[in-house]
């Protein structure tokens, strides 16, 4: 399977703001599977409006927990971090393909 991060940032200021975002996604082994950073293009985000940021696709090919470290900023000339999150992005569970392998009696998956 493939993953795709899509994050919305909201401008809670009283003036139009240029928002930027940066994130790193790591697989269960701690390896970086996606690194994304961008500043929105004009027109910038008006007060009370949202802006969506979409990264690239990456593989979800290992069972376990994928993590994300993300920061939302404003003002690229002098960036100010306005929100952040570090934690679980998703959990991938190993599964035996059905019904082709049902007869093999696999009860547990153990990575090698």
PDB file of N, CA and C in Angstrom:
ATOM      1  N   UNK A   1       0.835  -1.186   0.000  1.00  0.00           N
ATOM      2  CA  UNK A   1       0.000   0.000   0.000  1.00  0.00           C
ATOM      3  C   UNK A   1       0.877   1.246   0.000  1.00  0.00           C
ATOM      4  N   UNK A   2       0.263   2.370  -0.309  1.00  0.00           N
ATOM      5  CA  UNK A   2       0.982   3.647  -0.368  1.00  0.00           C
ATOM      6  C   UNK A   2       0.295   4.640   0.554  1.00  0.00           C
ATOM      7  N   UNK A   3       1.087   5.543   1.121  1.00  0.00           N
ATOM      8  CA  UNK A   3       0.562   6.580   1.993  1.00  0.00           C
ATOM      9  C   UNK A   3       0.642   7.940   1.329  1.00  0.00           C
ATOM     10  N   UNK A   4      -0.207   8.856   1.791  1.00  0.00           N
ATOM     11  CA  UNK A   4      -0.226  10.227   1.299  1.00  0.00           C
ATOM     12  C   UNK A   4      -0.667  11.129   2.448  1.00  0.00           C
ATOM     13  N   UNK A   5       0.174  12.083   2.807  1.00  0.00           N
ATOM     14  CA  UNK A   5      -0.153  13.010   3.889  1.00  0.00           C
ATOM     15  C   UNK A   5      -0.811  14.250   3.299  1.00  0.00           C
ATOM     16  N   UNK A   6      -1.937  14.638   3.890  1.00  0.00           N
ATOM     17  CA  UNK A   6      -2.673  15.841   3.498  1.00  0.00           C
ATOM     18  C   UNK A   6      -3.043  16.556   4.795  1.00  0.00           C
ATOM     19  N   UNK A   7      -2.453  17.728   5.025  1.00  0.00           N
ATOM     20  CA  UNK A   7      -2.663  18.465   6.275  1.00  0.00           C
ATOM     21  C   UNK A   7      -3.238  19.839   5.958  1.00  0.00           C
ATOM     22  N   UNK A   8      -4.244  20.228   6.740  1.00  0.00           N
ATOM     23  CA  UNK A   8      -4.865  21.546   6.615  1.00  0.00           C
ATOM     24  C   UNK A   8      -4.369  22.447   7.727  1.00  0.00           C
ATOM     25  N   UNK A   9      -3.974  23.666   7.370  1.00  0.00           N
ATOM     26  CA  UNK A   9      -3.612  24.689   8.344  1.00  0.00           C
ATOM     27  C   UNK A   9      -4.643  25.803   8.307  1.00  0.00           C
ATOM     28  N   UNK A  10      -4.981  26.356   9.449  1.00  0.00           N
ATOM     29  CA  UNK A  10      -5.996  27.416   9.530  1.00  0.00           C
ATOM     30  C   UNK A  10      -5.348  28.706  10.004  1.00  0.00           C
ATOM     31  N   UNK A  11      -5.677  29.805   9.345  1.00  0.00           N
ATOM     32  CA  UNK A  11      -5.186  31.119   9.734  1.00  0.00           C
ATOM     33  C   UNK A  11      -6.155  31.725  10.759  1.00  0.00           C
ATOM     34  N   UNK A  12      -5.741  31.727  12.026  1.00  0.00           N
ATOM     35  CA  UNK A  12      -6.558  32.310  13.098  1.00  0.00           C
ATOM     36  C   UNK A  12      -6.168  33.754  13.394  1.00  0.00           C
ATOM     37  N   UNK A  13      -5.312  34.331  12.566  1.00  0.00           N
ATOM     38  CA  UNK A  13      -4.905  35.723  12.740  1.00  0.00           C
ATOM     39  C   UNK A  13      -5.970  36.655  12.148  1.00  0.00           C
ATOM     40  N   UNK A  14      -5.840  37.939  12.412  1.00  0.00           N
ATOM     41  CA  UNK A  14      -6.780  38.927  11.863  1.00  0.00           C
ATOM     42  C   UNK A  14      -6.301  39.491  10.529  1.00  0.00           C
ATOM     43  N   UNK A  15      -5.116  39.055  10.088  1.00  0.00           N
ATOM     44  CA  UNK A  15      -4.560  39.507   8.808  1.00  0.00           C
ATOM     45  C   UNK A  15      -4.235  38.297   7.930  1.00  0.00           C
ATOM     46  N   UNK A  16      -4.144  38.523   6.633  1.00  0.00           N
ATOM     47  CA  UNK A  16      -3.764  37.465   5.703  1.00  0.00           C
ATOM     48  C   UNK A  16      -2.345  37.005   6.029  1.00  0.00           C
ATOM     49  N   UNK A  17      -2.120  35.698   5.989  1.00  0.00           N
ATOM     50  CA  UNK A  17      -0.820  35.130   6.336  1.00  0.00           C
ATOM     51  C   UNK A  17      -0.362  34.146   5.262  1.00  0.00           C
ATOM     52  N   UNK A  18       0.953  34.065   5.101  1.00  0.00           N
ATOM     53  CA  UNK A  18       1.557  33.037   4.248  1.00  0.00           C
ATOM     54  C   UNK A  18       1.987  31.901   5.157  1.00  0.00           C
ATOM     55  N   UNK A  19       1.395  30.745   4.929  1.00  0.00           N
ATOM     56  CA  UNK A  19       1.689  29.600   5.792  1.00  0.00           C
ATOM     57  C   UNK A  19       2.663  28.640   5.111  1.00  0.00           C
ATOM     58  N   UNK A  20       3.446  27.993   5.925  1.00  0.00           N
ATOM     59  CA  UNK A  20       4.386  26.985   5.454  1.00  0.00           C
ATOM     60  C   UNK A  20       4.313  25.765   6.334  1.00  0.00           C
ATOM     61  N   UNK A  21       4.767  24.650   5.802  1.00  0.00           N
ATOM     62  CA  UNK A  21       4.706  23.402   6.558  1.00  0.00           C
ATOM     63  C   UNK A  21       5.951  22.578   6.275  1.00  0.00           C
ATOM     64  N   UNK A  22       6.287  21.745   7.224  1.00  0.00           N
ATOM     65  CA  UNK A  22       7.400  20.826   7.068  1.00  0.00           C
ATOM     66  C   UNK A  22       7.072  19.564   7.848  1.00  0.00           C
ATOM     67  N   UNK A  23       7.307  18.400   7.218  1.00  0.00           N
ATOM     68  CA  UNK A  23       7.105  17.153   7.962  1.00  0.00           C
ATOM     69  C   UNK A  23       8.078  16.088   7.522  1.00  0.00           C
ATOM     70  N   UNK A  24       8.274  15.152   8.431  1.00  0.00           N
ATOM     71  CA  UNK A  24       9.095  13.966   8.185  1.00  0.00           C
ATOM     72  C   UNK A  24       8.280  12.762   8.632  1.00  0.00           C
ATOM     73  N   UNK A  25       8.154  11.770   7.742  1.00  0.00           N
ATOM     74  CA  UNK A  25       7.481  10.513   8.067  1.00  0.00           C
ATOM     75  C   UNK A  25       8.546   9.432   8.159  1.00  0.00           C
ATOM     76  N   UNK A  26       8.480   8.645   9.241  1.00  0.00           N
ATOM     77  CA  UNK A  26       9.436   7.548   9.448  1.00  0.00           C
ATOM     78  C   UNK A  26       8.703   6.213   9.507  1.00  0.00           C
ATOM     79  N   UNK A  27       9.356   5.188   8.967  1.00  0.00           N
ATOM     80  CA  UNK A  27       8.777   3.846   9.002  1.00  0.00           C
ATOM     81  C   UNK A  27       9.049   3.208  10.372  1.00  0.00           C
ATOM     82  N   UNK A  28       8.561   1.990  10.612  1.00  0.00           N
ATOM     83  CA  UNK A  28       8.754   1.354  11.921  1.00  0.00           C
ATOM     84  C   UNK A  28      10.222   1.149  12.317  1.00  0.00           C
ATOM     85  N   UNK A  29      11.126   1.143  11.343  1.00  0.00           N
ATOM     86  CA  UNK A  29      12.560   1.012  11.631  1.00  0.00           C
ATOM     87  C   UNK A  29      13.226   2.361  11.871  1.00  0.00           C
ATOM     88  N   UNK A  30      12.456   3.453  11.779  1.00  0.00           N
ATOM     89  CA  UNK A  30      13.013   4.788  11.988  1.00  0.00           C
ATOM     90  C   UNK A  30      13.601   5.425  10.742  1.00  0.00           C
ATOM     91  N   UNK A  31      13.466   4.762   9.613  1.00  0.00           N
ATOM     92  CA  UNK A  31      13.986   5.320   8.361  1.00  0.00           C
ATOM     93  C   UNK A  31      13.003   6.336   7.789  1.00  0.00           C
ATOM     94  N   UNK A  32      13.534   7.416   7.223  1.00  0.00           N
ATOM     95  CA  UNK A  32      12.694   8.445   6.613  1.00  0.00           C
ATOM     96  C   UNK A  32      12.109   7.903   5.310  1.00  0.00           C
ATOM     97  N   UNK A  33      10.764   7.928   5.204  1.00  0.00           N
ATOM     98  CA  UNK A  33      10.093   7.495   3.976  1.00  0.00           C
ATOM     99  C   UNK A  33       9.521   8.677   3.203  1.00  0.00           C
ATOM    100  N   UNK A  34       9.348   9.809   3.896  1.00  0.00           N
ATOM    101  CA  UNK A  34       8.971  11.032   3.195  1.00  0.00           C
ATOM    102  C   UNK A  34       9.426  12.233   4.000  1.00  0.00           C
ATOM    103  N   UNK A  35       9.952  13.218   3.277  1.00  0.00           N
ATOM    104  CA  UNK A  35      10.313  14.506   3.854  1.00  0.00           C
ATOM    105  C   UNK A  35       9.700  15.563   2.946  1.00  0.00           C
ATOM    106  N   UNK A  36       8.896  16.450   3.537  1.00  0.00           N
ATOM    107  CA  UNK A  36       8.169  17.430   2.730  1.00  0.00           C
ATOM    108  C   UNK A  36       8.235  18.792   3.409  1.00  0.00           C
ATOM    109  N   UNK A  37       8.455  19.835   2.609  1.00  0.00           N
ATOM    110  CA  UNK A  37       8.504  21.194   3.127  1.00  0.00           C
ATOM    111  C   UNK A  37       8.058  22.138   2.016  1.00  0.00           C
ATOM    112  N   UNK A  38       7.180  23.099   2.356  1.00  0.00           N
ATOM    113  CA  UNK A  38       6.742  24.076   1.355  1.00  0.00           C
ATOM    114  C   UNK A  38       6.116  25.293   2.021  1.00  0.00           C
ATOM    115  N   UNK A  39       6.173  26.403   1.305  1.00  0.00           N
ATOM    116  CA  UNK A  39       5.427  27.612   1.651  1.00  0.00           C
ATOM    117  C   UNK A  39       4.333  27.767   0.615  1.00  0.00           C
ATOM    118  N   UNK A  40       3.149  28.167   1.069  1.00  0.00           N
ATOM    119  CA  UNK A  40       2.052  28.340   0.127  1.00  0.00           C
ATOM    120  C   UNK A  40       2.379  29.460  -0.853  1.00  0.00           C
ATOM    121  N   UNK A  41       1.804  29.340  -2.051  1.00  0.00           N
ATOM    122  CA  UNK A  41       1.983  30.346  -3.085  1.00  0.00           C
ATOM    123  C   UNK A  41       0.835  31.351  -3.001  1.00  0.00           C
ATOM    124  N   UNK A  42       1.049  32.550  -3.588  1.00  0.00           N
ATOM    125  CA  UNK A  42       0.026  33.582  -3.586  1.00  0.00           C
ATOM    126  C   UNK A  42      -1.182  33.091  -4.363  1.00  0.00           C
ATOM    127  N   UNK A  43      -2.423  33.347  -3.984  1.00  0.00           N
ATOM    128  CA  UNK A  43      -2.803  34.233  -2.876  1.00  0.00           C
ATOM    129  C   UNK A  43      -2.683  33.516  -1.537  1.00  0.00           C
ATOM    130  N   UNK A  44      -2.256  34.243  -0.530  1.00  0.00           N
ATOM    131  CA  UNK A  44      -2.051  33.672   0.788  1.00  0.00           C
ATOM    132  C   UNK A  44      -3.377  33.493   1.520  1.00  0.00           C
ATOM    133  N   UNK A  45      -3.327  32.921   2.706  1.00  0.00           N
ATOM    134  CA  UNK A  45      -4.535  32.541   3.427  1.00  0.00           C
ATOM    135  C   UNK A  45      -5.143  33.707   4.193  1.00  0.00           C
ATOM    136  N   UNK A  46      -6.389  33.994   3.891  1.00  0.00           N
ATOM    137  CA  UNK A  46      -7.126  35.085   4.555  1.00  0.00           C
ATOM    138  C   UNK A  46      -7.497  34.686   5.985  1.00  0.00           C
ATOM    139  N   UNK A  47      -7.796  35.677   6.832  1.00  0.00           N
ATOM    140  CA  UNK A  47      -8.213  35.374   8.206  1.00  0.00           C
ATOM    141  C   UNK A  47      -9.402  34.400   8.232  1.00  0.00           C
ATOM    142  N   UNK A  48      -9.291  33.377   9.065  1.00  0.00           N
ATOM    143  CA  UNK A  48     -10.356  32.393   9.215  1.00  0.00           C
ATOM    144  C   UNK A  48     -10.397  31.311   8.153  1.00  0.00           C
ATOM    145  N   UNK A  49      -9.529  31.409   7.136  1.00  0.00           N
ATOM    146  CA  UNK A  49      -9.525  30.410   6.067  1.00  0.00           C
ATOM    147  C   UNK A  49      -8.483  29.321   6.326  1.00  0.00           C
ATOM    148  N   UNK A  50      -8.629  28.230   5.562  1.00  0.00           N
ATOM    149  CA  UNK A  50      -7.722  27.088   5.652  1.00  0.00           C
ATOM    150  C   UNK A  50      -6.898  26.970   4.381  1.00  0.00           C
ATOM    151  N   UNK A  51      -5.750  26.308   4.511  1.00  0.00           N
ATOM    152  CA  UNK A  51      -4.931  25.988   3.347  1.00  0.00           C
ATOM    153  C   UNK A  51      -4.467  24.543   3.483  1.00  0.00           C
ATOM    154  N   UNK A  52      -4.597  23.778   2.403  1.00  0.00           N
ATOM    155  CA  UNK A  52      -4.181  22.378   2.425  1.00  0.00           C
ATOM    156  C   UNK A  52      -2.798  22.176   1.851  1.00  0.00           C
ATOM    157  N   UNK A  53      -2.036  21.306   2.499  1.00  0.00           N
ATOM    158  CA  UNK A  53      -0.703  20.920   2.036  1.00  0.00           C
ATOM    159  C   UNK A  53      -0.730  19.422   1.760  1.00  0.00           C
ATOM    160  N   UNK A  54      -0.239  19.022   0.586  1.00  0.00           N
ATOM    161  CA  UNK A  54      -0.237  17.610   0.209  1.00  0.00           C
ATOM    162  C   UNK A  54       1.182  17.203  -0.166  1.00  0.00           C
ATOM    163  N   UNK A  55       1.646  16.118   0.428  1.00  0.00           N
ATOM    164  CA  UNK A  55       2.985  15.618   0.139  1.00  0.00           C
ATOM    165  C   UNK A  55       2.975  14.627  -1.010  1.00  0.00           C
ATOM    166  N   UNK A  56       4.057  13.881  -1.114  1.00  0.00           N
ATOM    167  CA  UNK A  56       4.163  12.841  -2.131  1.00  0.00           C
ATOM    168  C   UNK A  56       3.751  11.497  -1.570  1.00  0.00           C
ATOM    169  N   UNK A  57       3.622  10.536  -2.425  1.00  0.00           N
ATOM    170  CA  UNK A  57       3.257   9.185  -1.986  1.00  0.00           C
ATOM    171  C   UNK A  57       4.506   8.453  -1.491  1.00  0.00           C
ATOM    172  N   UNK A  58       4.282   7.561  -0.532  1.00  0.00           N
ATOM    173  CA  UNK A  58       5.383   6.760   0.005  1.00  0.00           C
ATOM    174  C   UNK A  58       4.861   5.375   0.341  1.00  0.00           C
ATOM    175  N   UNK A  59       5.763   4.416   0.400  1.00  0.00           N
ATOM    176  CA  UNK A  59       5.389   3.028   0.653  1.00  0.00           C
ATOM    177  C   UNK A  59       5.053   2.791   2.123  1.00  0.00           C
ATOM    178  N   UNK A  60       4.016   2.004   2.344  1.00  0.00           N
ATOM    179  CA  UNK A  60       3.669   1.491   3.671  1.00  0.00           C
ATOM    180  C   UNK A  60       3.886  -0.017   3.611  1.00  0.00           C
ATOM    181  N   UNK A  61       5.145  -0.410   3.490  1.00  0.00           N
ATOM    182  CA  UNK A  61       5.455  -1.809   3.214  1.00  0.00           C
ATOM    183  C   UNK A  61       6.042  -2.575   4.387  1.00  0.00           C
ATOM    184  N   UNK A  62       5.995  -2.003   5.583  1.00  0.00           N
ATOM    185  CA  UNK A  62       6.496  -2.680   6.775  1.00  0.00           C
ATOM    186  C   UNK A  62       5.417  -2.659   7.854  1.00  0.00           C
ATOM    187  N   UNK A  63       5.208  -3.784   8.522  1.00  0.00           N
ATOM    188  CA  UNK A  63       4.245  -3.757   9.623  1.00  0.00           C
ATOM    189  C   UNK A  63       4.816  -2.971  10.803  1.00  0.00           C
ATOM    190  N   UNK A  64       3.950  -2.257  11.491  1.00  0.00           N
ATOM    191  CA  UNK A  64       4.376  -1.489  12.657  1.00  0.00           C
ATOM    192  C   UNK A  64       3.867  -0.061  12.599  1.00  0.00           C
ATOM    193  N   UNK A  65       4.431   0.766  13.461  1.00  0.00           N
ATOM    194  CA  UNK A  65       3.979   2.149  13.611  1.00  0.00           C
ATOM    195  C   UNK A  65       4.824   3.092  12.758  1.00  0.00           C
ATOM    196  N   UNK A  66       4.149   3.873  11.933  1.00  0.00           N
ATOM    197  CA  UNK A  66       4.770   4.950  11.178  1.00  0.00           C
ATOM    198  C   UNK A  66       4.533   6.236  11.956  1.00  0.00           C
ATOM    199  N   UNK A  67       5.567   7.068  12.083  1.00  0.00           N
ATOM    200  CA  UNK A  67       5.438   8.313  12.839  1.00  0.00           C
ATOM    201  C   UNK A  67       5.604   9.520  11.925  1.00  0.00           C
ATOM    202  N   UNK A  68       5.086  10.656  12.413  1.00  0.00           N
ATOM    203  CA  UNK A  68       5.229  11.910  11.680  1.00  0.00           C
ATOM    204  C   UNK A  68       5.646  12.999  12.655  1.00  0.00           C
ATOM    205  N   UNK A  69       6.525  13.869  12.196  1.00  0.00           N
ATOM    206  CA  UNK A  69       6.937  15.057  12.929  1.00  0.00           C
ATOM    207  C   UNK A  69       6.619  16.224  12.004  1.00  0.00           C
ATOM    208  N   UNK A  70       5.641  17.066  12.397  1.00  0.00           N
ATOM    209  CA  UNK A  70       5.163  18.114  11.502  1.00  0.00           C
ATOM    210  C   UNK A  70       5.105  19.456  12.223  1.00  0.00           C
ATOM    211  N   UNK A  71       5.431  20.519  11.493  1.00  0.00           N
ATOM    212  CA  UNK A  71       5.342  21.866  12.045  1.00  0.00           C
ATOM    213  C   UNK A  71       4.708  22.805  11.037  1.00  0.00           C
ATOM    214  N   UNK A  72       3.757  23.620  11.500  1.00  0.00           N
ATOM    215  CA  UNK A  72       3.099  24.639  10.676  1.00  0.00           C
ATOM    216  C   UNK A  72       3.653  25.990  11.087  1.00  0.00           C
ATOM    217  N   UNK A  73       4.086  26.766  10.111  1.00  0.00           N
ATOM    218  CA  UNK A  73       4.698  28.071  10.381  1.00  0.00           C
ATOM    219  C   UNK A  73       4.015  29.164   9.576  1.00  0.00           C
ATOM    220  N   UNK A  74       4.275  30.400   9.975  1.00  0.00           N
ATOM    221  CA  UNK A  74       3.827  31.576   9.223  1.00  0.00           C
ATOM    222  C   UNK A  74       5.008  32.522   9.076  1.00  0.00           C
ATOM    223  N   UNK A  75       4.965  33.343   8.009  1.00  0.00           N
ATOM    224  CA  UNK A  75       5.947  34.388   7.771  1.00  0.00           C
ATOM    225  C   UNK A  75       7.323  33.822   7.385  1.00  0.00           C
ATOM    226  N   UNK A  76       7.538  33.501   6.096  1.00  0.00           N
ATOM    227  CA  UNK A  76       8.805  32.901   5.686  1.00  0.00           C
ATOM    228  C   UNK A  76      10.040  33.782   5.915  1.00  0.00           C
ATOM    229  N   UNK A  77       9.871  35.121   5.960  1.00  0.00           N
ATOM    230  CA  UNK A  77      11.015  36.007   6.191  1.00  0.00           C
ATOM    231  C   UNK A  77      11.573  35.832   7.602  1.00  0.00           C
ATOM    232  N   UNK A  78      10.719  35.538   8.542  1.00  0.00           N
ATOM    233  CA  UNK A  78      11.098  35.305   9.935  1.00  0.00           C
ATOM    234  C   UNK A  78      10.129  34.261  10.501  1.00  0.00           C
ATOM    235  N   UNK A  79      10.297  32.974  10.112  1.00  0.00           N
ATOM    236  CA  UNK A  79       9.310  31.947  10.424  1.00  0.00           C
ATOM    237  C   UNK A  79       8.996  31.833  11.921  1.00  0.00           C
ATOM    238  N   UNK A  80       7.704  31.688  12.177  1.00  0.00           N
ATOM    239  CA  UNK A  80       7.238  31.459  13.543  1.00  0.00           C
ATOM    240  C   UNK A  80       6.410  30.186  13.535  1.00  0.00           C
ATOM    241  N   UNK A  81       6.817  29.212  14.353  1.00  0.00           N
ATOM    242  CA  UNK A  81       6.095  27.957  14.472  1.00  0.00           C
ATOM    243  C   UNK A  81       4.788  28.217  15.208  1.00  0.00           C
ATOM    244  N   UNK A  82       3.659  27.893  14.575  1.00  0.00           N
ATOM    245  CA  UNK A  82       2.353  28.164  15.183  1.00  0.00           C
ATOM    246  C   UNK A  82       1.636  26.893  15.628  1.00  0.00           C
ATOM    247  N   UNK A  83       2.068  25.750  15.143  1.00  0.00           N
ATOM    248  CA  UNK A  83       1.485  24.486  15.591  1.00  0.00           C
ATOM    249  C   UNK A  83       2.425  23.359  15.209  1.00  0.00           C
ATOM    250  N   UNK A  84       2.386  22.272  15.979  1.00  0.00           N
ATOM    251  CA  UNK A  84       3.244  21.133  15.685  1.00  0.00           C
ATOM    252  C   UNK A  84       2.614  19.855  16.229  1.00  0.00           C
ATOM    253  N   UNK A  85       3.080  18.734  15.705  1.00  0.00           N
ATOM    254  CA  UNK A  85       2.639  17.417  16.175  1.00  0.00           C
ATOM    255  C   UNK A  85       3.767  16.440  15.937  1.00  0.00           C
ATOM    256  N   UNK A  86       4.006  15.594  16.929  1.00  0.00           N
ATOM    257  CA  UNK A  86       4.920  14.474  16.767  1.00  0.00           C
ATOM    258  C   UNK A  86       4.242  13.262  17.359  1.00  0.00           C
ATOM    259  N   UNK A  87       4.132  12.224  16.562  1.00  0.00           N
ATOM    260  CA  UNK A  87       3.514  11.008  17.079  1.00  0.00           C
ATOM    261  C   UNK A  87       3.159  10.049  15.975  1.00  0.00           C
ATOM    262  N   UNK A  88       2.221   9.167  16.290  1.00  0.00           N
ATOM    263  CA  UNK A  88       1.805   8.120  15.367  1.00  0.00           C
ATOM    264  C   UNK A  88       1.037   8.702  14.186  1.00  0.00           C
ATOM    265  N   UNK A  89       1.452   8.327  12.993  1.00  0.00           N
ATOM    266  CA  UNK A  89       0.712   8.662  11.779  1.00  0.00           C
ATOM    267  C   UNK A  89      -0.278   7.537  11.481  1.00  0.00           C
ATOM    268  N   UNK A  90       0.221   6.298  11.513  1.00  0.00           N
ATOM    269  CA  UNK A  90      -0.648   5.141  11.280  1.00  0.00           C
ATOM    270  C   UNK A  90       0.069   3.878  11.753  1.00  0.00           C
ATOM    271  N   UNK A  91      -0.689   2.814  11.862  1.00  0.00           N
ATOM    272  CA  UNK A  91      -0.137   1.509  12.199  1.00  0.00           C
ATOM    273  C   UNK A  91      -0.490   0.552  11.069  1.00  0.00           C
ATOM    274  N   UNK A  92       0.521  -0.126  10.557  1.00  0.00           N
ATOM    275  CA  UNK A  92       0.325  -1.104   9.489  1.00  0.00           C
ATOM    276  C   UNK A  92       0.375  -2.494  10.111  1.00  0.00           C
ATOM    277  N   UNK A  93      -0.681  -3.273   9.874  1.00  0.00           N
ATOM    278  CA  UNK A  93      -0.734  -4.643  10.385  1.00  0.00           C
ATOM    279  C   UNK A  93      -0.486  -5.602   9.231  1.00  0.00           C
ATOM    280  N   UNK A  94       0.340  -6.609   9.493  1.00  0.00           N
ATOM    281  CA  UNK A  94       0.591  -7.633   8.479  1.00  0.00           C
ATOM    282  C   UNK A  94      -0.647  -8.511   8.366  1.00  0.00           C
ATOM    283  N   UNK A  95      -0.951  -8.907   7.159  1.00  0.00           N
ATOM    284  CA  UNK A  95      -2.108  -9.769   6.932  1.00  0.00           C
ATOM    285  C   UNK A  95      -1.759 -10.809   5.889  1.00  0.00           C
ATOM    286  N   UNK A  96      -2.319 -11.976   6.049  1.00  0.00           N
ATOM    287  CA  UNK A  96      -2.136 -13.031   5.061  1.00  0.00           C
ATOM    288  C   UNK A  96      -3.163 -12.791   3.955  1.00  0.00           C
ATOM    289  N   UNK A  97      -2.727 -12.751   2.704  1.00  0.00           N
ATOM    290  CA  UNK A  97      -3.687 -12.526   1.615  1.00  0.00           C
ATOM    291  C   UNK A  97      -4.770 -13.601   1.594  1.00  0.00           C
ATOM    292  N   UNK A  98      -5.977 -13.173   1.417  1.00  0.00           N
ATOM    293  CA  UNK A  98      -7.121 -14.083   1.364  1.00  0.00           C
ATOM    294  C   UNK A  98      -7.675 -14.103  -0.048  1.00  0.00           C
ATOM    295  N   UNK A  99      -8.281 -15.144  -0.524  1.00  0.00           N
ATOM    296  CA  UNK A  99      -8.346 -16.474   0.077  1.00  0.00           C
ATOM    297  C   UNK A  99      -7.221 -17.385  -0.391  1.00  0.00           C
ATOM    298  N   UNK A 100      -6.302 -16.876  -1.208  1.00  0.00           N
ATOM    299  CA  UNK A 100      -5.286 -17.720  -1.842  1.00  0.00           C
ATOM    300  C   UNK A 100      -4.451 -18.528  -0.857  1.00  0.00           C
ATOM    301  N   UNK A 101      -4.166 -17.959   0.343  1.00  0.00           N
ATOM    302  CA  UNK A 101      -3.249 -18.619   1.261  1.00  0.00           C
ATOM    303  C   UNK A 101      -3.933 -19.146   2.521  1.00  0.00           C
ATOM    304  N   UNK A 102      -5.247 -19.160   2.535  1.00  0.00           N
ATOM    305  CA  UNK A 102      -5.991 -19.613   3.709  1.00  0.00           C
ATOM    306  C   UNK A 102      -5.590 -21.036   4.100  1.00  0.00           C
ATOM    307  N   UNK A 103      -5.349 -21.872   3.122  1.00  0.00           N
ATOM    308  CA  UNK A 103      -5.024 -23.278   3.373  1.00  0.00           C
ATOM    309  C   UNK A 103      -3.659 -23.519   3.990  1.00  0.00           C
ATOM    310  N   UNK A 104      -2.797 -22.514   4.031  1.00  0.00           N
ATOM    311  CA  UNK A 104      -1.462 -22.704   4.597  1.00  0.00           C
ATOM    312  C   UNK A 104      -1.464 -22.722   6.120  1.00  0.00           C
ATOM    313  N   UNK A 105      -2.525 -22.272   6.751  1.00  0.00           N
ATOM    314  CA  UNK A 105      -2.617 -22.299   8.208  1.00  0.00           C
ATOM    315  C   UNK A 105      -1.711 -21.293   8.902  1.00  0.00           C
ATOM    316  N   UNK A 106      -1.391 -20.173   8.252  1.00  0.00           N
ATOM    317  CA  UNK A 106      -0.549 -19.154   8.875  1.00  0.00           C
ATOM    318  C   UNK A 106      -1.337 -18.474   9.989  1.00  0.00           C
ATOM    319  N   UNK A 107      -0.778 -18.496  11.203  1.00  0.00           N
ATOM    320  CA  UNK A 107      -1.453 -17.887  12.344  1.00  0.00           C
ATOM    321  C   UNK A 107      -0.723 -16.645  12.855  1.00  0.00           C
ATOM    322  N   UNK A 108       0.539 -16.520  12.456  1.00  0.00           N
ATOM    323  CA  UNK A 108       1.350 -15.422  12.977  1.00  0.00           C
ATOM    324  C   UNK A 108       2.340 -14.990  11.915  1.00  0.00           C
ATOM    325  N   UNK A 109       2.590 -13.694  11.865  1.00  0.00           N
ATOM    326  CA  UNK A 109       3.573 -13.136  10.940  1.00  0.00           C
ATOM    327  C   UNK A 109       4.743 -12.644  11.761  1.00  0.00           C
ATOM    328  N   UNK A 110       5.956 -13.031  11.362  1.00  0.00           N
ATOM    329  CA  UNK A 110       7.145 -12.573  12.069  1.00  0.00           C
ATOM    330  C   UNK A 110       8.142 -12.048  11.055  1.00  0.00           C
ATOM    331  N   UNK A 111       8.458 -10.725  11.121  1.00  0.00           N
ATOM    332  CA  UNK A 111       9.429 -10.178  10.162  1.00  0.00           C
ATOM    333  C   UNK A 111      10.802 -10.779  10.363  1.00  0.00           C
ATOM    334  N   UNK A 112      11.538 -10.893   9.272  1.00  0.00           N
ATOM    335  CA  UNK A 112      12.876 -11.488   9.327  1.00  0.00           C
ATOM    336  C   UNK A 112      13.906 -10.410   9.150  1.00  0.00           C
TER     337      UNK A 112
END
